[in-house]
Amino acid sequence: SKYQGKHNDTILIPTDAHKTGLVSQYISYESFYHDPAITKLVQQEIAAKKFYNKDPDQEIIKQAREELAKVLDVYEKILEGKEYLNGEFSLADLFHTPYTHYIYSMEAHSEL
């Protein structure tokens, strides 16, 4: 909050109390629903072979895809008619970046 707008025009946490609350809500949703599902998928598809020399567990992949599909359905409703979760770019959008970029690069799951 201290440095918002000092070096550029980006405001990651809105000053409006309602919008600030929504940013917190979306960050929580990401932490408790989006991240766990997507992490399972990334761990199986990338980390299993690379770090543990194991084949991906197809049952965990199936479960993770189902969980993630439900989460993405919620996001579709939230994003209806807007480009960013809060209507404008915010910290909530950045919270979704770390593992999401892996899904785009996985051919088997890129449709998600």
PDB file of N, CA and C in Angstrom:
ATOM      1  N   SER A   1       0.822  -1.194   0.000  1.00  0.00           N
ATOM      2  CA  SER A   1       0.000   0.000   0.000  1.00  0.00           C
ATOM      3  C   SER A   1       0.866   1.257   0.000  1.00  0.00           C
ATOM      4  N   LYS A   2       1.967   1.219   0.714  1.00  0.00           N
ATOM      5  CA  LYS A   2       2.826   2.393   0.860  1.00  0.00           C
ATOM      6  C   LYS A   2       3.363   2.896  -0.477  1.00  0.00           C
ATOM      7  N   TYR A   3       3.682   2.002  -1.403  1.00  0.00           N
ATOM      8  CA  TYR A   3       4.329   2.404  -2.643  1.00  0.00           C
ATOM      9  C   TYR A   3       3.413   2.426  -3.860  1.00  0.00           C
ATOM     10  N   GLN A   4       2.146   2.139  -3.681  1.00  0.00           N
ATOM     11  CA  GLN A   4       1.229   2.115  -4.822  1.00  0.00           C
ATOM     12  C   GLN A   4       1.192   3.466  -5.526  1.00  0.00           C
ATOM     13  N   GLY A   5       1.384   3.427  -6.845  1.00  0.00           N
ATOM     14  CA  GLY A   5       1.287   4.631  -7.642  1.00  0.00           C
ATOM     15  C   GLY A   5       2.501   5.533  -7.585  1.00  0.00           C
ATOM     16  N   LYS A   6       3.510   5.207  -6.784  1.00  0.00           N
ATOM     17  CA  LYS A   6       4.692   6.071  -6.684  1.00  0.00           C
ATOM     18  C   LYS A   6       5.605   5.945  -7.896  1.00  0.00           C
ATOM     19  N   HIS A   7       5.773   4.738  -8.410  1.00  0.00           N
ATOM     20  CA  HIS A   7       6.710   4.518  -9.502  1.00  0.00           C
ATOM     21  C   HIS A   7       6.006   4.226 -10.824  1.00  0.00           C
ATOM     22  N   ASN A   8       4.726   3.940 -10.768  1.00  0.00           N
ATOM     23  CA  ASN A   8       3.931   3.706 -11.971  1.00  0.00           C
ATOM     24  C   ASN A   8       2.457   3.888 -11.611  1.00  0.00           C
ATOM     25  N   ASP A   9       1.585   3.653 -12.576  1.00  0.00           N
ATOM     26  CA  ASP A   9       0.158   3.871 -12.354  1.00  0.00           C
ATOM     27  C   ASP A   9      -0.575   2.658 -11.773  1.00  0.00           C
ATOM     28  N   THR A  10       0.143   1.569 -11.554  1.00  0.00           N
ATOM     29  CA  THR A  10      -0.503   0.340 -11.104  1.00  0.00           C
ATOM     30  C   THR A  10      -0.935   0.434  -9.646  1.00  0.00           C
ATOM     31  N   ILE A  11      -2.200   0.174  -9.416  1.00  0.00           N
ATOM     32  CA  ILE A  11      -2.762   0.127  -8.072  1.00  0.00           C
ATOM     33  C   ILE A  11      -3.202  -1.320  -7.838  1.00  0.00           C
ATOM     34  N   LEU A  12      -2.471  -2.063  -7.037  1.00  0.00           N
ATOM     35  CA  LEU A  12      -2.760  -3.478  -6.820  1.00  0.00           C
ATOM     36  C   LEU A  12      -3.823  -3.719  -5.754  1.00  0.00           C
ATOM     37  N   ILE A  13      -3.960  -2.787  -4.816  1.00  0.00           N
ATOM     38  CA  ILE A  13      -4.983  -2.890  -3.784  1.00  0.00           C
ATOM     39  C   ILE A  13      -5.801  -1.601  -3.846  1.00  0.00           C
ATOM     40  N   PRO A  14      -7.051  -1.688  -4.281  1.00  0.00           N
ATOM     41  CA  PRO A  14      -7.875  -0.485  -4.417  1.00  0.00           C
ATOM     42  C   PRO A  14      -8.073   0.228  -3.089  1.00  0.00           C
ATOM     43  N   THR A  15      -8.343   1.522  -3.162  1.00  0.00           N
ATOM     44  CA  THR A  15      -8.607   2.282  -1.941  1.00  0.00           C
ATOM     45  C   THR A  15     -10.062   2.164  -1.506  1.00  0.00           C
ATOM     46  N   ASP A  16     -10.947   1.841  -2.425  1.00  0.00           N
ATOM     47  CA  ASP A  16     -12.361   1.644  -2.118  1.00  0.00           C
ATOM     48  C   ASP A  16     -12.520   0.405  -1.236  1.00  0.00           C
ATOM     49  N   ALA A  17     -13.197   0.547  -0.109  1.00  0.00           N
ATOM     50  CA  ALA A  17     -13.331  -0.546   0.860  1.00  0.00           C
ATOM     51  C   ALA A  17     -13.991  -1.787   0.257  1.00  0.00           C
ATOM     52  N   HIS A  18     -15.027  -1.600  -0.556  1.00  0.00           N
ATOM     53  CA  HIS A  18     -15.707  -2.744  -1.172  1.00  0.00           C
ATOM     54  C   HIS A  18     -14.767  -3.489  -2.125  1.00  0.00           C
ATOM     55  N   LYS A  19     -14.061  -2.739  -2.969  1.00  0.00           N
ATOM     56  CA  LYS A  19     -13.136  -3.368  -3.918  1.00  0.00           C
ATOM     57  C   LYS A  19     -11.966  -4.033  -3.196  1.00  0.00           C
ATOM     58  N   THR A  20     -11.508  -3.421  -2.114  1.00  0.00           N
ATOM     59  CA  THR A  20     -10.438  -4.026  -1.315  1.00  0.00           C
ATOM     60  C   THR A  20     -10.905  -5.352  -0.730  1.00  0.00           C
ATOM     61  N   GLY A  21     -12.135  -5.384  -0.256  1.00  0.00           N
ATOM     62  CA  GLY A  21     -12.707  -6.617   0.272  1.00  0.00           C
ATOM     63  C   GLY A  21     -12.806  -7.704  -0.781  1.00  0.00           C
ATOM     64  N   LEU A  22     -13.171  -7.312  -2.005  1.00  0.00           N
ATOM     65  CA  LEU A  22     -13.249  -8.288  -3.096  1.00  0.00           C
ATOM     66  C   LEU A  22     -11.868  -8.844  -3.439  1.00  0.00           C
ATOM     67  N   VAL A  23     -10.858  -7.980  -3.434  1.00  0.00           N
ATOM     68  CA  VAL A  23      -9.491  -8.461  -3.688  1.00  0.00           C
ATOM     69  C   VAL A  23      -9.125  -9.516  -2.647  1.00  0.00           C
ATOM     70  N   SER A  24      -9.406  -9.253  -1.387  1.00  0.00           N
ATOM     71  CA  SER A  24      -9.124 -10.226  -0.322  1.00  0.00           C
ATOM     72  C   SER A  24      -9.913 -11.514  -0.524  1.00  0.00           C
ATOM     73  N   GLN A  25     -11.150 -11.383  -0.932  1.00  0.00           N
ATOM     74  CA  GLN A  25     -11.995 -12.558  -1.172  1.00  0.00           C
ATOM     75  C   GLN A  25     -11.423 -13.406  -2.307  1.00  0.00           C
ATOM     76  N   TYR A  26     -11.016 -12.772  -3.401  1.00  0.00           N
ATOM     77  CA  TYR A  26     -10.470 -13.520  -4.540  1.00  0.00           C
ATOM     78  C   TYR A  26      -9.129 -14.157  -4.203  1.00  0.00           C
ATOM     79  N   ILE A  27      -8.335 -13.480  -3.388  1.00  0.00           N
ATOM     80  CA  ILE A  27      -7.059 -14.055  -2.960  1.00  0.00           C
ATOM     81  C   ILE A  27      -7.325 -15.291  -2.100  1.00  0.00           C
ATOM     82  N   SER A  28      -8.285 -15.223  -1.210  1.00  0.00           N
ATOM     83  CA  SER A  28      -8.637 -16.381  -0.385  1.00  0.00           C
ATOM     84  C   SER A  28      -9.159 -17.524  -1.239  1.00  0.00           C
ATOM     85  N   TYR A  29     -10.002 -17.209  -2.205  1.00  0.00           N
ATOM     86  CA  TYR A  29     -10.539 -18.245  -3.088  1.00  0.00           C
ATOM     87  C   TYR A  29      -9.405 -18.935  -3.833  1.00  0.00           C
ATOM     88  N   GLU A  30      -8.445 -18.134  -4.298  1.00  0.00           N
ATOM     89  CA  GLU A  30      -7.295 -18.706  -4.999  1.00  0.00           C
ATOM     90  C   GLU A  30      -6.522 -19.625  -4.074  1.00  0.00           C
ATOM     91  N   SER A  31      -6.281 -19.183  -2.849  1.00  0.00           N
ATOM     92  CA  SER A  31      -5.475 -19.950  -1.899  1.00  0.00           C
ATOM     93  C   SER A  31      -6.112 -21.273  -1.482  1.00  0.00           C
ATOM     94  N   PHE A  32      -7.443 -21.277  -1.343  1.00  0.00           N
ATOM     95  CA  PHE A  32      -8.105 -22.459  -0.802  1.00  0.00           C
ATOM     96  C   PHE A  32      -8.768 -23.365  -1.841  1.00  0.00           C
ATOM     97  N   TYR A  33      -8.973 -22.875  -3.059  1.00  0.00           N
ATOM     98  CA  TYR A  33      -9.641 -23.690  -4.085  1.00  0.00           C
ATOM     99  C   TYR A  33      -8.809 -23.836  -5.358  1.00  0.00           C
ATOM    100  N   HIS A  34      -8.368 -22.728  -5.919  1.00  0.00           N
ATOM    101  CA  HIS A  34      -7.616 -22.760  -7.171  1.00  0.00           C
ATOM    102  C   HIS A  34      -6.243 -23.403  -6.973  1.00  0.00           C
ATOM    103  N   ASP A  35      -5.480 -22.904  -6.028  1.00  0.00           N
ATOM    104  CA  ASP A  35      -4.111 -23.376  -5.824  1.00  0.00           C
ATOM    105  C   ASP A  35      -4.025 -24.869  -5.494  1.00  0.00           C
ATOM    106  N   PRO A  36      -4.833 -25.397  -4.562  1.00  0.00           N
ATOM    107  CA  PRO A  36      -4.709 -26.827  -4.260  1.00  0.00           C
ATOM    108  C   PRO A  36      -4.976 -27.729  -5.471  1.00  0.00           C
ATOM    109  N   ALA A  37      -5.983 -27.399  -6.249  1.00  0.00           N
ATOM    110  CA  ALA A  37      -6.304 -28.234  -7.413  1.00  0.00           C
ATOM    111  C   ALA A  37      -5.212 -28.145  -8.472  1.00  0.00           C
ATOM    112  N   ILE A  38      -4.775 -26.953  -8.763  1.00  0.00           N
ATOM    113  CA  ILE A  38      -3.781 -26.772  -9.820  1.00  0.00           C
ATOM    114  C   ILE A  38      -2.416 -27.315  -9.381  1.00  0.00           C
ATOM    115  N   THR A  39      -2.123 -27.232  -8.092  1.00  0.00           N
ATOM    116  CA  THR A  39      -0.858 -27.753  -7.582  1.00  0.00           C
ATOM    117  C   THR A  39      -0.789 -29.270  -7.737  1.00  0.00           C
ATOM    118  N   LYS A  40      -1.883 -29.952  -7.455  1.00  0.00           N
ATOM    119  CA  LYS A  40      -1.915 -31.416  -7.652  1.00  0.00           C
ATOM    120  C   LYS A  40      -1.572 -31.774  -9.089  1.00  0.00           C
ATOM    121  N   LEU A  41      -2.176 -31.058 -10.003  1.00  0.00           N
ATOM    122  CA  LEU A  41      -1.965 -31.327 -11.425  1.00  0.00           C
ATOM    123  C   LEU A  41      -0.515 -31.079 -11.828  1.00  0.00           C
ATOM    124  N   VAL A  42       0.032 -29.970 -11.406  1.00  0.00           N
ATOM    125  CA  VAL A  42       1.421 -29.637 -11.739  1.00  0.00           C
ATOM    126  C   VAL A  42       2.388 -30.633 -11.093  1.00  0.00           C
ATOM    127  N   GLN A  43       2.126 -31.012  -9.846  1.00  0.00           N
ATOM    128  CA  GLN A  43       3.008 -31.969  -9.178  1.00  0.00           C
ATOM    129  C   GLN A  43       3.039 -33.309  -9.907  1.00  0.00           C
ATOM    130  N   GLN A  44       1.886 -33.748 -10.373  1.00  0.00           N
ATOM    131  CA  GLN A  44       1.837 -35.029 -11.072  1.00  0.00           C
ATOM    132  C   GLN A  44       2.454 -34.940 -12.468  1.00  0.00           C
ATOM    133  N   GLU A  45       2.119 -33.907 -13.200  1.00  0.00           N
ATOM    134  CA  GLU A  45       2.553 -33.808 -14.595  1.00  0.00           C
ATOM    135  C   GLU A  45       4.001 -33.347 -14.766  1.00  0.00           C
ATOM    136  N   ILE A  46       4.497 -32.576 -13.817  1.00  0.00           N
ATOM    137  CA  ILE A  46       5.853 -32.043 -13.973  1.00  0.00           C
ATOM    138  C   ILE A  46       6.806 -32.626 -12.931  1.00  0.00           C
ATOM    139  N   ALA A  47       6.444 -32.541 -11.676  1.00  0.00           N
ATOM    140  CA  ALA A  47       7.377 -32.915 -10.614  1.00  0.00           C
ATOM    141  C   ALA A  47       7.552 -34.423 -10.456  1.00  0.00           C
ATOM    142  N   ALA A  48       6.523 -35.212 -10.709  1.00  0.00           N
ATOM    143  CA  ALA A  48       6.611 -36.661 -10.462  1.00  0.00           C
ATOM    144  C   ALA A  48       7.812 -37.283 -11.178  1.00  0.00           C
ATOM    145  N   LYS A  49       7.924 -37.069 -12.479  1.00  0.00           N
ATOM    146  CA  LYS A  49       9.041 -37.656 -13.228  1.00  0.00           C
ATOM    147  C   LYS A  49      10.344 -36.906 -12.976  1.00  0.00           C
ATOM    148  N   LYS A  50      10.271 -35.600 -13.034  1.00  0.00           N
ATOM    149  CA  LYS A  50      11.480 -34.781 -12.965  1.00  0.00           C
ATOM    150  C   LYS A  50      12.199 -34.904 -11.622  1.00  0.00           C
ATOM    151  N   PHE A  51      11.458 -34.900 -10.535  1.00  0.00           N
ATOM    152  CA  PHE A  51      12.088 -34.874  -9.225  1.00  0.00           C
ATOM    153  C   PHE A  51      12.015 -36.193  -8.457  1.00  0.00           C
ATOM    154  N   TYR A  52      11.006 -37.014  -8.758  1.00  0.00           N
ATOM    155  CA  TYR A  52      10.810 -38.241  -7.991  1.00  0.00           C
ATOM    156  C   TYR A  52      10.955 -39.505  -8.827  1.00  0.00           C
ATOM    157  N   ASN A  53      11.223 -39.330 -10.121  1.00  0.00           N
ATOM    158  CA  ASN A  53      11.380 -40.464 -11.033  1.00  0.00           C
ATOM    159  C   ASN A  53      10.209 -41.440 -10.955  1.00  0.00           C
ATOM    160  N   LYS A  54       8.997 -40.882 -10.857  1.00  0.00           N
ATOM    161  CA  LYS A  54       7.773 -41.677 -10.784  1.00  0.00           C
ATOM    162  C   LYS A  54       6.866 -41.299 -11.946  1.00  0.00           C
ATOM    163  N   ASP A  55       6.044 -42.238 -12.355  1.00  0.00           N
ATOM    164  CA  ASP A  55       5.021 -41.931 -13.356  1.00  0.00           C
ATOM    165  C   ASP A  55       3.909 -41.147 -12.680  1.00  0.00           C
ATOM    166  N   PRO A  56       3.313 -40.218 -13.407  1.00  0.00           N
ATOM    167  CA  PRO A  56       2.194 -39.459 -12.835  1.00  0.00           C
ATOM    168  C   PRO A  56       1.048 -40.396 -12.450  1.00  0.00           C
ATOM    169  N   ASP A  57       0.416 -40.118 -11.354  1.00  0.00           N
ATOM    170  CA  ASP A  57      -0.731 -40.893 -10.885  1.00  0.00           C
ATOM    171  C   ASP A  57      -1.977 -40.385 -11.609  1.00  0.00           C
ATOM    172  N   GLN A  58      -2.503 -41.196 -12.499  1.00  0.00           N
ATOM    173  CA  GLN A  58      -3.628 -40.788 -13.338  1.00  0.00           C
ATOM    174  C   GLN A  58      -4.896 -40.519 -12.530  1.00  0.00           C
ATOM    175  N   GLU A  59      -5.061 -41.188 -11.411  1.00  0.00           N
ATOM    176  CA  GLU A  59      -6.235 -40.950 -10.562  1.00  0.00           C
ATOM    177  C   GLU A  59      -6.158 -39.564  -9.920  1.00  0.00           C
ATOM    178  N   ILE A  60      -4.978 -39.182  -9.469  1.00  0.00           N
ATOM    179  CA  ILE A  60      -4.803 -37.841  -8.896  1.00  0.00           C
ATOM    180  C   ILE A  60      -4.998 -36.784  -9.975  1.00  0.00           C
ATOM    181  N   ILE A  61      -4.507 -37.046 -11.172  1.00  0.00           N
ATOM    182  CA  ILE A  61      -4.686 -36.113 -12.290  1.00  0.00           C
ATOM    183  C   ILE A  61      -6.167 -35.942 -12.599  1.00  0.00           C
ATOM    184  N   LYS A  62      -6.893 -37.045 -12.643  1.00  0.00           N
ATOM    185  CA  LYS A  62      -8.331 -36.981 -12.916  1.00  0.00           C
ATOM    186  C   LYS A  62      -9.048 -36.166 -11.842  1.00  0.00           C
ATOM    187  N   GLN A  63      -8.732 -36.449 -10.584  1.00  0.00           N
ATOM    188  CA  GLN A  63      -9.345 -35.736  -9.466  1.00  0.00           C
ATOM    189  C   GLN A  63      -9.009 -34.242  -9.522  1.00  0.00           C
ATOM    190  N   ALA A  64      -7.754 -33.923  -9.791  1.00  0.00           N
ATOM    191  CA  ALA A  64      -7.324 -32.525  -9.852  1.00  0.00           C
ATOM    192  C   ALA A  64      -8.022 -31.783 -10.990  1.00  0.00           C
ATOM    193  N   ARG A  65      -8.170 -32.437 -12.130  1.00  0.00           N
ATOM    194  CA  ARG A  65      -8.866 -31.810 -13.268  1.00  0.00           C
ATOM    195  C   ARG A  65     -10.326 -31.522 -12.918  1.00  0.00           C
ATOM    196  N   GLU A  66     -10.974 -32.467 -12.244  1.00  0.00           N
ATOM    197  CA  GLU A  66     -12.371 -32.261 -11.843  1.00  0.00           C
ATOM    198  C   GLU A  66     -12.498 -31.095 -10.867  1.00  0.00           C
ATOM    199  N   GLU A  67     -11.608 -31.051  -9.882  1.00  0.00           N
ATOM    200  CA  GLU A  67     -11.613 -29.953  -8.913  1.00  0.00           C
ATOM    201  C   GLU A  67     -11.357 -28.616  -9.608  1.00  0.00           C
ATOM    202  N   LEU A  68     -10.360 -28.603 -10.480  1.00  0.00           N
ATOM    203  CA  LEU A  68     -10.006 -27.366 -11.169  1.00  0.00           C
ATOM    204  C   LEU A  68     -11.121 -26.914 -12.099  1.00  0.00           C
ATOM    205  N   ALA A  69     -11.775 -27.845 -12.754  1.00  0.00           N
ATOM    206  CA  ALA A  69     -12.889 -27.486 -13.642  1.00  0.00           C
ATOM    207  C   ALA A  69     -14.007 -26.787 -12.862  1.00  0.00           C
ATOM    208  N   LYS A  70     -14.295 -27.268 -11.662  1.00  0.00           N
ATOM    209  CA  LYS A  70     -15.321 -26.625 -10.822  1.00  0.00           C
ATOM    210  C   LYS A  70     -14.895 -25.208 -10.437  1.00  0.00           C
ATOM    211  N   VAL A  71     -13.636 -25.050 -10.073  1.00  0.00           N
ATOM    212  CA  VAL A  71     -13.113 -23.734  -9.707  1.00  0.00           C
ATOM    213  C   VAL A  71     -13.175 -22.792 -10.904  1.00  0.00           C
ATOM    214  N   LEU A  72     -12.791 -23.287 -12.063  1.00  0.00           N
ATOM    215  CA  LEU A  72     -12.798 -22.446 -13.260  1.00  0.00           C
ATOM    216  C   LEU A  72     -14.214 -22.052 -13.673  1.00  0.00           C
ATOM    217  N   ASP A  73     -15.189 -22.899 -13.388  1.00  0.00           N
ATOM    218  CA  ASP A  73     -16.587 -22.529 -13.647  1.00  0.00           C
ATOM    219  C   ASP A  73     -16.989 -21.316 -12.813  1.00  0.00           C
ATOM    220  N   VAL A  74     -16.531 -21.282 -11.562  1.00  0.00           N
ATOM    221  CA  VAL A  74     -16.816 -20.135 -10.696  1.00  0.00           C
ATOM    222  C   VAL A  74     -16.148 -18.885 -11.264  1.00  0.00           C
ATOM    223  N   TYR A  75     -14.907 -19.023 -11.701  1.00  0.00           N
ATOM    224  CA  TYR A  75     -14.206 -17.879 -12.280  1.00  0.00           C
ATOM    225  C   TYR A  75     -14.887 -17.378 -13.551  1.00  0.00           C
ATOM    226  N   GLU A  76     -15.423 -18.272 -14.329  1.00  0.00           N
ATOM    227  CA  GLU A  76     -16.145 -17.852 -15.539  1.00  0.00           C
ATOM    228  C   GLU A  76     -17.298 -16.923 -15.171  1.00  0.00           C
ATOM    229  N   LYS A  77     -18.004 -17.265 -14.099  1.00  0.00           N
ATOM    230  CA  LYS A  77     -19.124 -16.423 -13.650  1.00  0.00           C
ATOM    231  C   LYS A  77     -18.615 -15.087 -13.107  1.00  0.00           C
ATOM    232  N   ILE A  78     -17.546 -15.132 -12.326  1.00  0.00           N
ATOM    233  CA  ILE A  78     -16.981 -13.901 -11.763  1.00  0.00           C
ATOM    234  C   ILE A  78     -16.490 -12.978 -12.874  1.00  0.00           C
ATOM    235  N   LEU A  79     -15.870 -13.539 -13.889  1.00  0.00           N
ATOM    236  CA  LEU A  79     -15.261 -12.742 -14.954  1.00  0.00           C
ATOM    237  C   LEU A  79     -16.234 -12.343 -16.065  1.00  0.00           C
ATOM    238  N   GLU A  80     -17.456 -12.800 -15.961  1.00  0.00           N
ATOM    239  CA  GLU A  80     -18.439 -12.480 -16.993  1.00  0.00           C
ATOM    240  C   GLU A  80     -18.517 -10.958 -17.208  1.00  0.00           C
ATOM    241  N   GLY A  81     -18.207 -10.535 -18.428  1.00  0.00           N
ATOM    242  CA  GLY A  81     -18.293  -9.126 -18.788  1.00  0.00           C
ATOM    243  C   GLY A  81     -17.122  -8.269 -18.344  1.00  0.00           C
ATOM    244  N   LYS A  82     -16.073  -8.892 -17.805  1.00  0.00           N
ATOM    245  CA  LYS A  82     -14.909  -8.106 -17.405  1.00  0.00           C
ATOM    246  C   LYS A  82     -13.623  -8.887 -17.645  1.00  0.00           C
ATOM    247  N   GLU A  83     -12.544  -8.169 -17.707  1.00  0.00           N
ATOM    248  CA  GLU A  83     -11.250  -8.764 -18.015  1.00  0.00           C
ATOM    249  C   GLU A  83     -10.495  -9.224 -16.759  1.00  0.00           C
ATOM    250  N   TYR A  84     -10.731  -8.538 -15.638  1.00  0.00           N
ATOM    251  CA  TYR A  84     -10.027  -8.845 -14.400  1.00  0.00           C
ATOM    252  C   TYR A  84     -11.027  -9.183 -13.296  1.00  0.00           C
ATOM    253  N   LEU A  85     -10.580  -9.934 -12.303  1.00  0.00           N
ATOM    254  CA  LEU A  85     -11.474 -10.389 -11.240  1.00  0.00           C
ATOM    255  C   LEU A  85     -12.212  -9.244 -10.560  1.00  0.00           C
ATOM    256  N   ASN A  86     -11.508  -8.183 -10.277  1.00  0.00           N
ATOM    257  CA  ASN A  86     -12.088  -7.061  -9.548  1.00  0.00           C
ATOM    258  C   ASN A  86     -12.587  -5.963 -10.492  1.00  0.00           C
ATOM    259  N   GLY A  87     -12.618  -6.257 -11.781  1.00  0.00           N
ATOM    260  CA  GLY A  87     -13.022  -5.251 -12.757  1.00  0.00           C
ATOM    261  C   GLY A  87     -11.849  -4.468 -13.290  1.00  0.00           C
ATOM    262  N   GLU A  88     -10.803  -4.382 -12.496  1.00  0.00           N
ATOM    263  CA  GLU A  88      -9.560  -3.741 -12.904  1.00  0.00           C
ATOM    264  C   GLU A  88      -8.414  -4.571 -12.337  1.00  0.00           C
ATOM    265  N   PHE A  89      -7.260  -4.511 -12.975  1.00  0.00           N
ATOM    266  CA  PHE A  89      -6.104  -5.307 -12.549  1.00  0.00           C
ATOM    267  C   PHE A  89      -5.804  -5.052 -11.077  1.00  0.00           C
ATOM    268  N   SER A  90      -5.582  -6.132 -10.328  1.00  0.00           N
ATOM    269  CA  SER A  90      -5.301  -6.001  -8.899  1.00  0.00           C
ATOM    270  C   SER A  90      -4.411  -7.152  -8.436  1.00  0.00           C
ATOM    271  N   LEU A  91      -4.064  -7.117  -7.176  1.00  0.00           N
ATOM    272  CA  LEU A  91      -3.258  -8.161  -6.569  1.00  0.00           C
ATOM    273  C   LEU A  91      -3.931  -9.532  -6.694  1.00  0.00           C
ATOM    274  N   ALA A  92      -5.250  -9.548  -6.701  1.00  0.00           N
ATOM    275  CA  ALA A  92      -5.991 -10.813  -6.831  1.00  0.00           C
ATOM    276  C   ALA A  92      -5.632 -11.536  -8.124  1.00  0.00           C
ATOM    277  N   ASP A  93      -5.459 -10.787  -9.214  1.00  0.00           N
ATOM    278  CA  ASP A  93      -5.093 -11.411 -10.485  1.00  0.00           C
ATOM    279  C   ASP A  93      -3.683 -11.997 -10.432  1.00  0.00           C
ATOM    280  N   LEU A  94      -2.773 -11.299  -9.769  1.00  0.00           N
ATOM    281  CA  LEU A  94      -1.388 -11.772  -9.669  1.00  0.00           C
ATOM    282  C   LEU A  94      -1.280 -13.065  -8.864  1.00  0.00           C
ATOM    283  N   PHE A  95      -2.130 -13.231  -7.878  1.00  0.00           N
ATOM    284  CA  PHE A  95      -2.081 -14.435  -7.053  1.00  0.00           C
ATOM    285  C   PHE A  95      -2.323 -15.706  -7.877  1.00  0.00           C
ATOM    286  N   HIS A  96      -2.971 -15.591  -9.006  1.00  0.00           N
ATOM    287  CA  HIS A  96      -3.293 -16.758  -9.832  1.00  0.00           C
ATOM    288  C   HIS A  96      -2.180 -17.129 -10.809  1.00  0.00           C
ATOM    289  N   THR A  97      -1.146 -16.344 -10.877  1.00  0.00           N
ATOM    290  CA  THR A  97      -0.110 -16.524 -11.890  1.00  0.00           C
ATOM    291  C   THR A  97       0.850 -17.687 -11.655  1.00  0.00           C
ATOM    292  N   PRO A  98       1.365 -17.924 -10.450  1.00  0.00           N
ATOM    293  CA  PRO A  98       2.462 -18.872 -10.294  1.00  0.00           C
ATOM    294  C   PRO A  98       2.287 -20.248 -10.948  1.00  0.00           C
ATOM    295  N   TYR A  99       1.216 -20.957 -10.663  1.00  0.00           N
ATOM    296  CA  TYR A  99       1.052 -22.283 -11.276  1.00  0.00           C
ATOM    297  C   TYR A  99       0.217 -22.260 -12.547  1.00  0.00           C
ATOM    298  N   THR A 100      -0.585 -21.241 -12.726  1.00  0.00           N
ATOM    299  CA  THR A 100      -1.461 -21.201 -13.901  1.00  0.00           C
ATOM    300  C   THR A 100      -0.669 -21.242 -15.197  1.00  0.00           C
ATOM    301  N   HIS A 101       0.493 -20.611 -15.224  1.00  0.00           N
ATOM    302  CA  HIS A 101       1.269 -20.598 -16.463  1.00  0.00           C
ATOM    303  C   HIS A 101       1.707 -22.003 -16.876  1.00  0.00           C
ATOM    304  N   TYR A 102       1.869 -22.927 -15.925  1.00  0.00           N
ATOM    305  CA  TYR A 102       2.234 -24.299 -16.268  1.00  0.00           C
ATOM    306  C   TYR A 102       1.116 -24.993 -17.050  1.00  0.00           C
ATOM    307  N   ILE A 103      -0.118 -24.725 -16.670  1.00  0.00           N
ATOM    308  CA  ILE A 103      -1.248 -25.372 -17.343  1.00  0.00           C
ATOM    309  C   ILE A 103      -1.284 -25.000 -18.818  1.00  0.00           C
ATOM    310  N   TYR A 104      -1.007 -23.738 -19.112  1.00  0.00           N
ATOM    311  CA  TYR A 104      -0.993 -23.297 -20.508  1.00  0.00           C
ATOM    312  C   TYR A 104       0.061 -24.028 -21.325  1.00  0.00           C
ATOM    313  N   SER A 105       1.151 -24.420 -20.692  1.00  0.00           N
ATOM    314  CA  SER A 105       2.227 -25.088 -21.420  1.00  0.00           C
ATOM    315  C   SER A 105       2.058 -26.609 -21.502  1.00  0.00           C
ATOM    316  N   MET A 106       1.112 -27.161 -20.760  1.00  0.00           N
ATOM    317  CA  MET A 106       0.873 -28.606 -20.809  1.00  0.00           C
ATOM    318  C   MET A 106      -0.179 -28.901 -21.872  1.00  0.00           C
ATOM    319  N   GLU A 107       0.246 -29.531 -22.931  1.00  0.00           N
ATOM    320  CA  GLU A 107      -0.674 -29.820 -24.031  1.00  0.00           C
ATOM    321  C   GLU A 107      -1.903 -30.619 -23.571  1.00  0.00           C
ATOM    322  N   ALA A 108      -1.690 -31.544 -22.659  1.00  0.00           N
ATOM    323  CA  ALA A 108      -2.783 -32.409 -22.205  1.00  0.00           C
ATOM    324  C   ALA A 108      -3.848 -31.653 -21.413  1.00  0.00           C
ATOM    325  N   HIS A 109      -3.522 -30.460 -20.917  1.00  0.00           N
ATOM    326  CA  HIS A 109      -4.464 -29.732 -20.068  1.00  0.00           C
ATOM    327  C   HIS A 109      -4.688 -28.293 -20.510  1.00  0.00           C
ATOM    328  N   SER A 110      -4.158 -27.930 -21.647  1.00  0.00           N
ATOM    329  CA  SER A 110      -4.209 -26.523 -22.084  1.00  0.00           C
ATOM    330  C   SER A 110      -5.638 -26.010 -22.308  1.00  0.00           C
ATOM    331  N   GLU A 111      -6.588 -26.920 -22.552  1.00  0.00           N
ATOM    332  CA  GLU A 111      -7.963 -26.474 -22.760  1.00  0.00           C
ATOM    333  C   GLU A 111      -8.582 -25.921 -21.471  1.00  0.00           C
ATOM    334  N   LEU A 112      -8.020 -26.292 -20.343  1.00  0.00           N
ATOM    335  CA  LEU A 112      -8.518 -25.771 -19.068  1.00  0.00           C
ATOM    336  C   LEU A 112      -8.295 -24.278 -19.010  1.00  0.00           C
TER     337      LEU A 112
END
